């Protein structure tokens, strides 16, 4: 397995982060017509990652869980907003 840039030494998180980093690395070279599909793939992978991370955090009773969940929602909202803008060809919205 390729390790992510920031290694947490939590195998599930490190694997997820490596997959997300690999997807993000494709964005700069992706043809414009492929961006909506690629960004949706990033969204789906990120959503799954956040779900798995939140389960682990609940199991460990992490005190900042609710704040962290709120941060996850902000990130997912920004990803969706950016993808929609690209789908609509409204790069000015970004």
Protein backbone atom coordinates (compact mmCIF):
# COMPACT_ATOMS: atom_id res chain seq x y z
CA UNK A 1 0.00 0.00 0.00
CA UNK A 2 1.20 3.49 -0.83
CA UNK A 3 1.17 5.65 2.26
CA UNK A 4 -0.50 9.06 2.33
CA UNK A 5 1.47 12.26 2.80
CA UNK A 6 0.49 12.41 6.46
CA UNK A 7 0.67 8.97 8.08
CA UNK A 8 -1.56 8.50 11.13
CA UNK A 9 -0.56 4.88 11.77
CA UNK A 10 -4.23 3.91 11.78
CA UNK A 11 -4.37 1.46 8.87
CA UNK A 12 -7.94 2.19 7.82
CA UNK A 13 -7.36 5.94 7.85
CA UNK A 14 -4.00 5.70 6.10
CA UNK A 15 -5.51 3.52 3.34
CA UNK A 16 -8.43 5.91 2.88
CA UNK A 17 -6.16 8.95 2.81
CA UNK A 18 -3.87 7.32 0.24
CA UNK A 19 -6.86 6.59 -2.05
CA UNK A 20 -8.18 10.13 -1.71
CA UNK A 21 -4.74 11.64 -2.36
CA UNK A 22 -4.38 9.48 -5.49
CA UNK A 23 -7.74 10.72 -6.78
CA UNK A 24 -6.90 14.35 -6.01
CA UNK A 25 -3.57 13.99 -7.82
CA UNK A 26 -5.50 13.20 -11.02
CA UNK A 27 -7.42 16.49 -11.02
CA UNK A 28 -4.79 18.86 -12.51
CA UNK A 29 -4.22 16.66 -15.60
CA UNK A 30 -7.82 15.53 -16.07
CA UNK A 31 -9.54 16.64 -19.27
CA UNK A 32 -12.26 19.18 -18.53
CA UNK A 33 -15.03 16.80 -19.62
CA UNK A 34 -13.81 14.21 -17.06
CA UNK A 35 -13.79 16.58 -14.09
CA UNK A 36 -17.42 16.12 -12.98
CA UNK A 37 -17.01 12.31 -12.91
CA UNK A 38 -13.67 12.52 -11.14
CA UNK A 39 -14.93 15.04 -8.59
CA UNK A 40 -17.98 12.86 -7.91
CA UNK A 41 -15.63 9.90 -7.37
CA UNK A 42 -13.66 12.02 -4.89
CA UNK A 43 -16.90 12.98 -3.13
CA UNK A 44 -18.02 9.35 -2.82
CA UNK A 45 -14.62 8.23 -1.54
CA UNK A 46 -14.51 11.12 0.94
CA UNK A 47 -18.06 10.43 2.16
CA UNK A 48 -17.15 6.79 2.80
CA UNK A 49 -13.95 7.81 4.54
CA UNK A 50 -15.78 10.21 6.82
CA UNK A 51 -18.35 7.54 7.71
CA UNK A 52 -15.62 5.04 8.60
CA UNK A 53 -13.67 7.65 10.53
CA UNK A 54 -16.73 8.69 12.53
CA UNK A 55 -17.38 5.05 13.49
CA UNK A 56 -13.80 4.73 14.75
CA UNK A 57 -14.06 8.02 16.63
CA UNK A 58 -17.31 6.91 18.30
CA UNK A 59 -15.71 3.62 19.31
CA UNK A 60 -12.85 5.54 20.92
CA UNK A 61 -15.22 8.11 22.45
CA UNK A 62 -13.21 11.00 20.98
CA UNK A 63 -14.31 14.20 22.74
CA UNK A 64 -14.14 16.40 19.62
CA UNK A 65 -16.36 14.08 17.57
CA UNK A 66 -19.25 16.51 17.09
CA UNK A 67 -16.97 19.33 15.99
CA UNK A 68 -15.15 16.93 13.65
CA UNK A 69 -18.45 15.77 12.13
CA UNK A 70 -19.37 19.41 11.49
CA UNK A 71 -16.04 19.88 9.70
CA UNK A 72 -16.78 16.80 7.59
CA UNK A 73 -20.12 18.29 6.54
CA UNK A 74 -18.45 21.57 5.54
CA UNK A 75 -15.89 19.72 3.40
CA UNK A 76 -18.56 17.57 1.71
CA UNK A 77 -20.65 20.66 1.01
CA UNK A 78 -17.66 22.45 -0.57
CA UNK A 79 -16.88 19.40 -2.73
CA UNK A 80 -20.47 19.19 -3.94
CA UNK A 81 -20.63 22.93 -4.61
CA UNK A 82 -17.42 22.85 -6.63
CA UNK A 83 -18.53 19.86 -8.67
CA UNK A 84 -21.90 21.47 -9.43
CA UNK A 85 -20.19 24.68 -10.55
CA UNK A 86 -17.96 22.72 -12.91
CA UNK A 87 -20.92 20.72 -14.24
CA UNK A 88 -22.70 23.99 -14.99
CA UNK A 89 -19.59 25.52 -16.53
CA UNK A 90 -19.69 28.27 -13.92
CA UNK A 91 -16.03 28.51 -12.98
CA UNK A 92 -16.65 32.06 -11.69
CA UNK A 93 -18.63 30.53 -8.82
CA UNK A 94 -15.48 28.88 -7.54
